[in-house]
Structure formats: structure tokens, C-alpha cells
Amino acid sequence: PKEEEQMSSRAYYVQRYVEIADGETESQIIPFGDYRSGGYFIPDPFTGTTMHLQVSLDGENFFPLCNDSGPVAATIGPGSAFPFPSGAAGFPFLRLSAGSSQQALRSIGVATKS
């Protein structure tokens, strides 16, 4: 994924794009181990209205991030932005999982902060 790094006096930011391929639901892997928070930007157009966050300890085996109510899901819309849930901070790898197969290649903007 394409990355752009920025540093300020208070935090270290990385901006990147991850893709969901045409006909797929899952994004490329997002390295998250060095970061405490972040979020993602839904492109316009985008197929579907929900996004789940998957987490991994090894970058190969991914599982849905859950809370007391079950898997964490965001109701999304094209051209909108969402923070990663606070529970994601303990995992070194993340992946976005759309609720619907994409009708074309989608590039999703991701920002992470140390």
C-alpha cells in the first residue's frame, strides 16, 4: 500500500491506502502494531453499508473484532470517515471487511497515529 509519513511535535502519523479488489470483501492488511489510534475513509462509490474490522496477531489468521454485543460493525456511507474502535489498539494487524462484495476495485484511505 502507498504510504505517506508525517511527524508533529505530539504524534507520528502514517497515511496509506488499502484496496478491496473487485468481487471481494476484505482489504489488504493494515500494519497497526506501532500505533494507538486511527481511522478509515470510505470512497465514493462504495458497495454496501457495513464495515467490520478484523484483527490478527500474526498477519495471517484474522478474526472479527468483538465487544460484549458481538462483532463490531460500522454503518457506512460513501465519502465518510470512521475511527478504529479502541479495542483495535492491542493488535499488530488489522483488515477491513465490507459487508458486501465490491463491484470494482476500491481504495480506502487509512490514517494511523502513534
N, C-alpha and C. Protein backbone atom coordinates (compact mmCIF):
# COMPACT_ATOMS: atom_id res chain seq x y z
N PRO A 1 0.81 -1.20 0.00
CA PRO A 1 0.00 0.00 0.00
C PRO A 1 0.84 1.26 0.00
N LYS A 2 0.37 2.29 -0.67
CA LYS A 2 1.05 3.58 -0.71
C LYS A 2 0.99 4.24 0.66
N GLU A 3 2.12 4.77 1.14
CA GLU A 3 2.18 5.38 2.47
C GLU A 3 2.78 6.78 2.40
N GLU A 4 2.32 7.63 3.28
CA GLU A 4 2.88 8.96 3.46
C GLU A 4 3.04 9.18 4.96
N GLU A 5 4.24 9.55 5.39
CA GLU A 5 4.50 9.72 6.81
C GLU A 5 4.59 11.20 7.16
N GLN A 6 4.08 11.56 8.32
CA GLN A 6 4.15 12.92 8.83
C GLN A 6 4.49 12.86 10.31
N MET A 7 5.28 13.81 10.77
CA MET A 7 5.62 13.86 12.18
C MET A 7 5.31 15.25 12.71
N SER A 8 4.71 15.31 13.87
CA SER A 8 4.47 16.58 14.54
C SER A 8 5.09 16.50 15.92
N SER A 9 5.02 17.58 16.66
CA SER A 9 5.61 17.58 18.00
C SER A 9 4.87 16.65 18.95
N ARG A 10 3.64 16.28 18.63
CA ARG A 10 2.84 15.46 19.54
C ARG A 10 2.63 14.02 19.10
N ALA A 11 2.70 13.75 17.81
CA ALA A 11 2.37 12.40 17.36
C ALA A 11 3.01 12.11 16.02
N TYR A 12 3.05 10.86 15.69
CA TYR A 12 3.58 10.38 14.43
C TYR A 12 2.41 9.79 13.65
N TYR A 13 2.19 10.27 12.43
CA TYR A 13 1.07 9.84 11.61
C TYR A 13 1.55 9.09 10.37
N VAL A 14 0.79 8.11 9.94
CA VAL A 14 1.02 7.46 8.65
C VAL A 14 -0.31 7.43 7.92
N GLN A 15 -0.28 7.89 6.68
CA GLN A 15 -1.46 7.80 5.82
C GLN A 15 -1.15 6.82 4.72
N ARG A 16 -2.09 5.94 4.43
CA ARG A 16 -1.89 4.93 3.39
C ARG A 16 -3.24 4.62 2.75
N TYR A 17 -3.19 3.88 1.67
CA TYR A 17 -4.40 3.38 1.03
C TYR A 17 -4.32 1.87 0.99
N VAL A 18 -5.41 1.22 1.35
CA VAL A 18 -5.53 -0.22 1.19
C VAL A 18 -6.65 -0.47 0.19
N GLU A 19 -6.55 -1.58 -0.50
CA GLU A 19 -7.52 -1.88 -1.54
C GLU A 19 -8.40 -3.07 -1.18
N ILE A 20 -9.63 -3.01 -1.66
CA ILE A 20 -10.50 -4.18 -1.71
C ILE A 20 -10.71 -4.44 -3.18
N ALA A 21 -10.35 -5.64 -3.63
CA ALA A 21 -10.41 -5.99 -5.04
C ALA A 21 -11.86 -6.15 -5.51
N ASP A 22 -12.06 -5.98 -6.80
CA ASP A 22 -13.36 -6.20 -7.43
C ASP A 22 -13.86 -7.61 -7.09
N GLY A 23 -15.08 -7.71 -6.59
CA GLY A 23 -15.67 -9.00 -6.24
C GLY A 23 -15.30 -9.51 -4.86
N GLU A 24 -14.46 -8.79 -4.13
CA GLU A 24 -14.01 -9.21 -2.81
C GLU A 24 -14.64 -8.37 -1.71
N THR A 25 -14.44 -8.82 -0.45
CA THR A 25 -14.95 -8.08 0.71
C THR A 25 -13.84 -7.61 1.65
N GLU A 26 -12.65 -8.21 1.58
CA GLU A 26 -11.60 -7.92 2.57
C GLU A 26 -10.48 -7.07 1.98
N SER A 27 -10.00 -6.13 2.79
CA SER A 27 -8.93 -5.24 2.36
C SER A 27 -7.57 -5.91 2.51
N GLN A 28 -6.58 -5.21 2.01
CA GLN A 28 -5.20 -5.58 2.29
C GLN A 28 -4.95 -5.40 3.78
N ILE A 29 -3.86 -5.97 4.28
CA ILE A 29 -3.52 -5.89 5.70
C ILE A 29 -3.03 -4.48 6.04
N ILE A 30 -3.44 -4.01 7.22
CA ILE A 30 -3.02 -2.72 7.74
C ILE A 30 -2.09 -2.98 8.93
N PRO A 31 -0.78 -2.69 8.81
CA PRO A 31 0.11 -2.83 9.97
C PRO A 31 -0.30 -1.81 11.03
N PHE A 32 -0.51 -2.28 12.27
CA PHE A 32 -1.05 -1.39 13.31
C PHE A 32 -0.28 -1.48 14.62
N GLY A 33 0.73 -2.32 14.70
CA GLY A 33 1.42 -2.58 15.96
C GLY A 33 2.07 -1.37 16.60
N ASP A 34 2.54 -0.38 15.83
CA ASP A 34 3.21 0.79 16.39
C ASP A 34 2.27 1.95 16.65
N TYR A 35 0.97 1.73 16.47
CA TYR A 35 0.01 2.84 16.55
C TYR A 35 -1.01 2.61 17.66
N ARG A 36 -1.59 3.71 18.15
CA ARG A 36 -2.60 3.64 19.21
C ARG A 36 -4.00 3.91 18.69
N SER A 37 -4.09 4.64 17.59
CA SER A 37 -5.40 5.00 17.07
C SER A 37 -5.32 5.21 15.58
N GLY A 38 -6.48 5.37 14.97
CA GLY A 38 -6.53 5.61 13.54
C GLY A 38 -7.96 5.56 13.05
N GLY A 39 -8.09 5.61 11.76
CA GLY A 39 -9.41 5.56 11.16
C GLY A 39 -9.31 5.31 9.67
N TYR A 40 -10.47 5.27 9.01
CA TYR A 40 -10.51 4.99 7.59
C TYR A 40 -11.56 5.85 6.90
N PHE A 41 -11.36 6.04 5.60
CA PHE A 41 -12.20 6.90 4.78
C PHE A 41 -12.82 6.07 3.66
N ILE A 42 -14.14 6.06 3.60
CA ILE A 42 -14.85 5.28 2.60
C ILE A 42 -14.93 6.07 1.30
N PRO A 43 -14.50 5.47 0.17
CA PRO A 43 -14.55 6.19 -1.10
C PRO A 43 -15.98 6.26 -1.64
N ASP A 44 -16.16 7.11 -2.59
CA ASP A 44 -17.42 7.22 -3.30
C ASP A 44 -17.11 6.91 -4.76
N PRO A 45 -17.62 5.87 -5.34
CA PRO A 45 -18.66 4.96 -4.83
C PRO A 45 -18.09 3.84 -3.97
N PHE A 46 -18.97 3.18 -3.23
CA PHE A 46 -18.63 2.02 -2.42
C PHE A 46 -19.86 1.12 -2.37
N THR A 47 -19.67 -0.18 -2.44
CA THR A 47 -20.78 -1.12 -2.44
C THR A 47 -21.04 -1.59 -1.01
N GLY A 48 -22.29 -1.42 -0.54
CA GLY A 48 -22.67 -1.91 0.77
C GLY A 48 -22.75 -0.80 1.81
N THR A 49 -23.27 -1.18 2.97
CA THR A 49 -23.50 -0.18 4.03
C THR A 49 -22.89 -0.56 5.37
N THR A 50 -22.14 -1.67 5.45
CA THR A 50 -21.49 -2.04 6.72
C THR A 50 -20.02 -2.35 6.50
N MET A 51 -19.24 -2.10 7.55
CA MET A 51 -17.82 -2.42 7.54
C MET A 51 -17.49 -3.04 8.89
N HIS A 52 -16.80 -4.18 8.85
CA HIS A 52 -16.32 -4.85 10.05
C HIS A 52 -14.81 -4.70 10.11
N LEU A 53 -14.26 -4.75 11.30
CA LEU A 53 -12.83 -4.71 11.49
C LEU A 53 -12.37 -6.08 11.94
N GLN A 54 -11.37 -6.63 11.26
CA GLN A 54 -10.77 -7.90 11.64
C GLN A 54 -9.40 -7.63 12.22
N VAL A 55 -8.99 -8.44 13.19
CA VAL A 55 -7.71 -8.27 13.87
C VAL A 55 -6.90 -9.56 13.80
N SER A 56 -5.57 -9.40 13.94
CA SER A 56 -4.69 -10.56 13.86
C SER A 56 -3.45 -10.33 14.71
N LEU A 57 -2.93 -11.41 15.27
CA LEU A 57 -1.66 -11.35 16.00
C LEU A 57 -0.48 -11.68 15.10
N ASP A 58 -0.74 -12.45 14.02
CA ASP A 58 0.35 -12.91 13.17
C ASP A 58 0.30 -12.40 11.73
N GLY A 59 -0.73 -11.67 11.34
CA GLY A 59 -0.85 -11.17 9.98
C GLY A 59 -1.38 -12.20 9.00
N GLU A 60 -1.72 -13.39 9.47
CA GLU A 60 -2.24 -14.44 8.59
C GLU A 60 -3.63 -14.91 9.01
N ASN A 61 -3.85 -15.04 10.29
CA ASN A 61 -5.14 -15.51 10.81
C ASN A 61 -5.90 -14.31 11.38
N PHE A 62 -7.01 -13.95 10.72
CA PHE A 62 -7.80 -12.78 11.11
C PHE A 62 -9.13 -13.21 11.70
N PHE A 63 -9.58 -12.44 12.71
CA PHE A 63 -10.83 -12.71 13.40
C PHE A 63 -11.58 -11.40 13.58
N PRO A 64 -12.91 -11.43 13.63
CA PRO A 64 -13.67 -10.20 13.84
C PRO A 64 -13.35 -9.58 15.20
N LEU A 65 -13.17 -8.26 15.23
CA LEU A 65 -13.06 -7.54 16.49
C LEU A 65 -14.45 -7.50 17.11
N CYS A 66 -14.57 -7.93 18.36
CA CYS A 66 -15.88 -8.03 19.02
C CYS A 66 -15.91 -7.19 20.29
N ASN A 67 -17.12 -6.85 20.70
CA ASN A 67 -17.36 -6.27 22.01
C ASN A 67 -18.39 -7.16 22.71
N ASP A 68 -18.98 -6.70 23.80
CA ASP A 68 -19.94 -7.52 24.54
C ASP A 68 -21.17 -7.90 23.72
N SER A 69 -21.47 -7.13 22.68
CA SER A 69 -22.65 -7.39 21.84
C SER A 69 -22.35 -8.25 20.62
N GLY A 70 -21.07 -8.56 20.38
CA GLY A 70 -20.70 -9.35 19.21
C GLY A 70 -19.73 -8.58 18.32
N PRO A 71 -19.62 -8.96 17.04
CA PRO A 71 -18.69 -8.28 16.14
C PRO A 71 -19.00 -6.79 16.01
N VAL A 72 -17.94 -5.99 16.03
CA VAL A 72 -18.08 -4.55 15.89
C VAL A 72 -18.29 -4.23 14.42
N ALA A 73 -19.36 -3.51 14.11
CA ALA A 73 -19.65 -3.12 12.73
C ALA A 73 -20.02 -1.65 12.68
N ALA A 74 -19.59 -0.99 11.62
CA ALA A 74 -19.96 0.41 11.40
C ALA A 74 -20.93 0.46 10.24
N THR A 75 -21.97 1.26 10.38
CA THR A 75 -22.86 1.54 9.25
C THR A 75 -22.22 2.68 8.49
N ILE A 76 -21.85 2.42 7.24
CA ILE A 76 -21.04 3.35 6.47
C ILE A 76 -21.82 3.93 5.30
N GLY A 77 -21.27 4.97 4.75
CA GLY A 77 -21.78 5.56 3.53
C GLY A 77 -20.61 6.09 2.73
N PRO A 78 -20.74 6.15 1.41
CA PRO A 78 -19.66 6.67 0.58
C PRO A 78 -19.28 8.10 0.98
N GLY A 79 -17.99 8.37 0.94
CA GLY A 79 -17.50 9.70 1.27
C GLY A 79 -17.52 10.02 2.75
N SER A 80 -17.44 9.02 3.62
CA SER A 80 -17.48 9.25 5.06
C SER A 80 -16.24 8.67 5.73
N ALA A 81 -16.00 9.08 6.98
CA ALA A 81 -14.82 8.64 7.72
C ALA A 81 -15.23 8.06 9.06
N PHE A 82 -14.45 7.06 9.53
CA PHE A 82 -14.77 6.37 10.78
C PHE A 82 -13.49 6.07 11.55
N PRO A 83 -13.52 6.18 12.89
CA PRO A 83 -12.35 5.82 13.69
C PRO A 83 -12.29 4.30 13.88
N PHE A 84 -11.09 3.80 14.08
CA PHE A 84 -10.97 2.40 14.51
C PHE A 84 -11.46 2.31 15.95
N PRO A 85 -12.17 1.26 16.32
CA PRO A 85 -12.60 1.09 17.71
C PRO A 85 -11.38 1.02 18.64
N SER A 86 -11.54 1.47 19.87
CA SER A 86 -10.41 1.48 20.81
C SER A 86 -9.84 0.09 21.05
N GLY A 87 -10.63 -0.95 20.95
CA GLY A 87 -10.15 -2.32 21.14
C GLY A 87 -9.14 -2.78 20.11
N ALA A 88 -9.02 -2.07 19.00
CA ALA A 88 -8.07 -2.46 17.95
C ALA A 88 -6.63 -2.19 18.35
N ALA A 89 -6.41 -1.30 19.32
CA ALA A 89 -5.06 -0.88 19.68
C ALA A 89 -4.17 -2.01 20.18
N GLY A 90 -4.73 -3.10 20.64
CA GLY A 90 -3.92 -4.19 21.16
C GLY A 90 -3.46 -5.19 20.12
N PHE A 91 -3.76 -4.96 18.84
CA PHE A 91 -3.44 -5.93 17.80
C PHE A 91 -2.48 -5.35 16.77
N PRO A 92 -1.48 -6.13 16.33
CA PRO A 92 -0.49 -5.61 15.40
C PRO A 92 -0.96 -5.53 13.94
N PHE A 93 -2.04 -6.24 13.59
CA PHE A 93 -2.52 -6.24 12.21
C PHE A 93 -4.04 -6.09 12.18
N LEU A 94 -4.51 -5.26 11.25
CA LEU A 94 -5.93 -5.06 11.05
C LEU A 94 -6.27 -5.32 9.59
N ARG A 95 -7.55 -5.57 9.36
CA ARG A 95 -8.06 -5.68 7.99
C ARG A 95 -9.52 -5.25 8.01
N LEU A 96 -9.94 -4.50 7.01
CA LEU A 96 -11.33 -4.09 6.88
C LEU A 96 -12.08 -5.15 6.10
N SER A 97 -13.31 -5.40 6.49
CA SER A 97 -14.14 -6.39 5.82
C SER A 97 -15.50 -5.75 5.51
N ALA A 98 -15.76 -5.53 4.23
CA ALA A 98 -17.02 -4.92 3.81
C ALA A 98 -18.14 -5.95 3.91
N GLY A 99 -19.33 -5.45 4.19
CA GLY A 99 -20.49 -6.33 4.29
C GLY A 99 -20.97 -6.85 2.96
N SER A 100 -20.48 -6.28 1.85
CA SER A 100 -20.89 -6.69 0.51
C SER A 100 -19.66 -6.77 -0.39
N SER A 101 -19.71 -7.67 -1.38
CA SER A 101 -18.64 -7.75 -2.37
C SER A 101 -18.61 -6.45 -3.17
N GLN A 102 -17.41 -5.96 -3.43
CA GLN A 102 -17.27 -4.71 -4.16
C GLN A 102 -17.47 -4.93 -5.66
N GLN A 103 -18.07 -3.95 -6.31
CA GLN A 103 -18.38 -4.04 -7.74
C GLN A 103 -17.24 -3.51 -8.61
N ALA A 104 -16.17 -3.06 -7.97
CA ALA A 104 -14.96 -2.57 -8.64
C ALA A 104 -13.87 -2.48 -7.59
N LEU A 105 -12.64 -2.28 -8.04
CA LEU A 105 -11.53 -2.07 -7.11
C LEU A 105 -11.79 -0.81 -6.30
N ARG A 106 -11.64 -0.90 -4.96
CA ARG A 106 -11.86 0.25 -4.07
C ARG A 106 -10.58 0.55 -3.30
N SER A 107 -10.19 1.81 -3.25
CA SER A 107 -9.06 2.26 -2.46
C SER A 107 -9.60 2.99 -1.24
N ILE A 108 -9.24 2.52 -0.06
CA ILE A 108 -9.73 3.08 1.19
C ILE A 108 -8.57 3.79 1.88
N GLY A 109 -8.76 5.05 2.19
CA GLY A 109 -7.75 5.81 2.91
C GLY A 109 -7.70 5.40 4.36
N VAL A 110 -6.50 5.19 4.90
CA VAL A 110 -6.31 4.79 6.29
C VAL A 110 -5.30 5.75 6.92
N ALA A 111 -5.61 6.26 8.09
CA ALA A 111 -4.69 7.11 8.85
C ALA A 111 -4.44 6.45 10.19
N THR A 112 -3.18 6.37 10.59
CA THR A 112 -2.83 5.79 11.89
C THR A 112 -1.97 6.80 12.65
N LYS A 113 -2.07 6.76 13.99
CA LYS A 113 -1.37 7.72 14.84
C LYS A 113 -0.72 6.99 16.00
N SER A 114 0.53 7.36 16.29
CA SER A 114 1.22 6.76 17.43
C SER A 114 0.88 7.48 18.72
